[in-house]
Amino acid sequence: MTRPRLVTGARLRYDEVREEHQLLIPEGVVRLNPTAAEVLELCDGERSVDAIVGELSARYDGADLRGDVQELVDAMAQRGLVVDAAA
């Protein structure tokens, strides 16, 4: 996957009552930890996985996040929640 984006109809939100990040999809709600929400916010179909990793690495003092970002994007793609905008 080169330029991930959320599937059509999905959107991110923060539920103030439950104090949790959520991915709203037509079939329901996926609860997200703050890190997953941060990655998915960058999955806009414009940024490559490399660009997402670079941006997050800059936010976190150069941490190597490639494996974690790729794992999350792949897991979300397997669930049909993220697609490749380049395809």
Protein backbone atom coordinates (compact mmCIF):
# COMPACT_ATOMS: atom_id res chain seq x y z
CA MET A 1 0.00 0.00 0.00
CA THR A 2 1.55 3.27 -1.08
CA ARG A 3 -0.93 6.04 -0.22
CA PRO A 4 -3.44 4.80 2.37
CA ARG A 5 -6.77 6.49 2.98
CA LEU A 6 -9.85 5.66 4.99
CA VAL A 7 -12.63 3.91 3.08
CA THR A 8 -15.47 6.02 1.78
CA GLY A 9 -17.97 6.69 4.55
CA ALA A 10 -15.47 6.33 7.39
CA ARG A 11 -14.49 9.20 9.64
CA LEU A 12 -12.50 9.72 12.79
CA ARG A 13 -13.87 11.34 15.91
CA TYR A 14 -13.14 11.68 19.60
CA ASP A 15 -16.01 10.70 21.89
CA GLU A 16 -15.91 13.12 24.81
CA VAL A 17 -18.31 11.02 26.92
CA ARG A 18 -16.34 7.77 26.60
CA GLU A 19 -13.02 9.63 26.32
CA GLU A 20 -11.90 7.50 23.39
CA HIS A 21 -10.95 7.86 19.76
CA GLN A 22 -13.28 6.17 17.31
CA LEU A 23 -13.43 5.31 13.64
CA LEU A 24 -17.05 5.60 12.54
CA ILE A 25 -17.99 3.30 9.69
CA PRO A 26 -21.38 2.51 8.17
CA GLU A 27 -21.41 -0.88 9.94
CA GLY A 28 -20.57 0.52 13.38
CA VAL A 29 -17.73 1.93 15.43
CA VAL A 30 -14.10 0.86 15.83
CA ARG A 31 -12.51 1.95 19.10
CA LEU A 32 -8.97 3.26 18.65
CA ASN A 33 -6.12 3.98 20.97
CA PRO A 34 -4.64 7.50 20.63
CA THR A 35 -1.67 6.25 18.60
CA ALA A 36 -3.85 4.47 16.04
CA ALA A 37 -6.03 7.57 15.74
CA GLU A 38 -2.94 9.69 15.09
CA VAL A 39 -1.78 7.36 12.30
CA LEU A 40 -5.22 7.14 10.69
CA GLU A 41 -5.57 10.94 10.74
CA LEU A 42 -2.58 11.01 8.38
CA CYS A 43 -4.06 8.39 6.03
CA ASP A 44 -5.52 10.96 3.68
CA GLY A 45 -4.69 9.36 0.33
CA GLU A 46 -2.12 12.07 -0.35
CA ARG A 47 0.66 10.97 2.00
CA SER A 48 2.67 7.84 1.39
CA VAL A 49 3.39 5.41 4.20
CA ASP A 50 6.95 6.82 4.19
CA ALA A 51 5.60 10.35 4.62
CA ILE A 52 3.35 9.24 7.49
CA VAL A 53 6.29 7.54 9.19
CA GLY A 54 8.43 10.63 8.66
CA GLU A 55 5.84 12.97 10.11
CA LEU A 56 5.26 10.83 13.18
CA SER A 57 8.98 10.26 13.65
CA ALA A 58 9.49 14.04 13.70
CA ARG A 59 6.76 14.40 16.34
CA TYR A 60 8.39 11.74 18.51
CA ASP A 61 12.04 12.79 18.45
CA GLY A 62 13.14 10.54 15.60
CA ALA A 63 11.61 7.32 16.93
CA ASP A 64 11.61 4.43 14.45
CA LEU A 65 7.89 3.87 13.92
CA ARG A 66 7.94 2.23 10.48
CA GLY A 67 7.06 -1.26 11.70
CA ASP A 68 4.23 -0.05 13.91
CA VAL A 69 2.74 2.21 11.24
CA GLN A 70 2.95 -0.48 8.56
CA GLU A 71 1.40 -3.07 10.89
CA LEU A 72 -1.53 -0.79 11.70
CA VAL A 73 -2.13 0.18 8.06
CA ASP A 74 -1.97 -3.48 6.99
CA ALA A 75 -4.37 -4.56 9.78
CA MET A 76 -6.84 -1.82 8.88
CA ALA A 77 -6.57 -2.74 5.18
CA GLN A 78 -7.31 -6.39 5.99
CA ARG A 79 -10.44 -5.25 7.81
CA GLY A 80 -11.45 -3.18 4.78
CA LEU A 81 -11.13 0.13 6.65
CA VAL A 82 -8.14 1.53 4.73
CA VAL A 83 -7.58 1.38 0.98
CA ASP A 84 -4.77 2.44 -1.32
CA ALA A 85 -5.56 5.75 -3.00
CA ALA A 86 -2.91 4.99 -5.63
CA ALA A 87 -4.75 1.88 -6.82
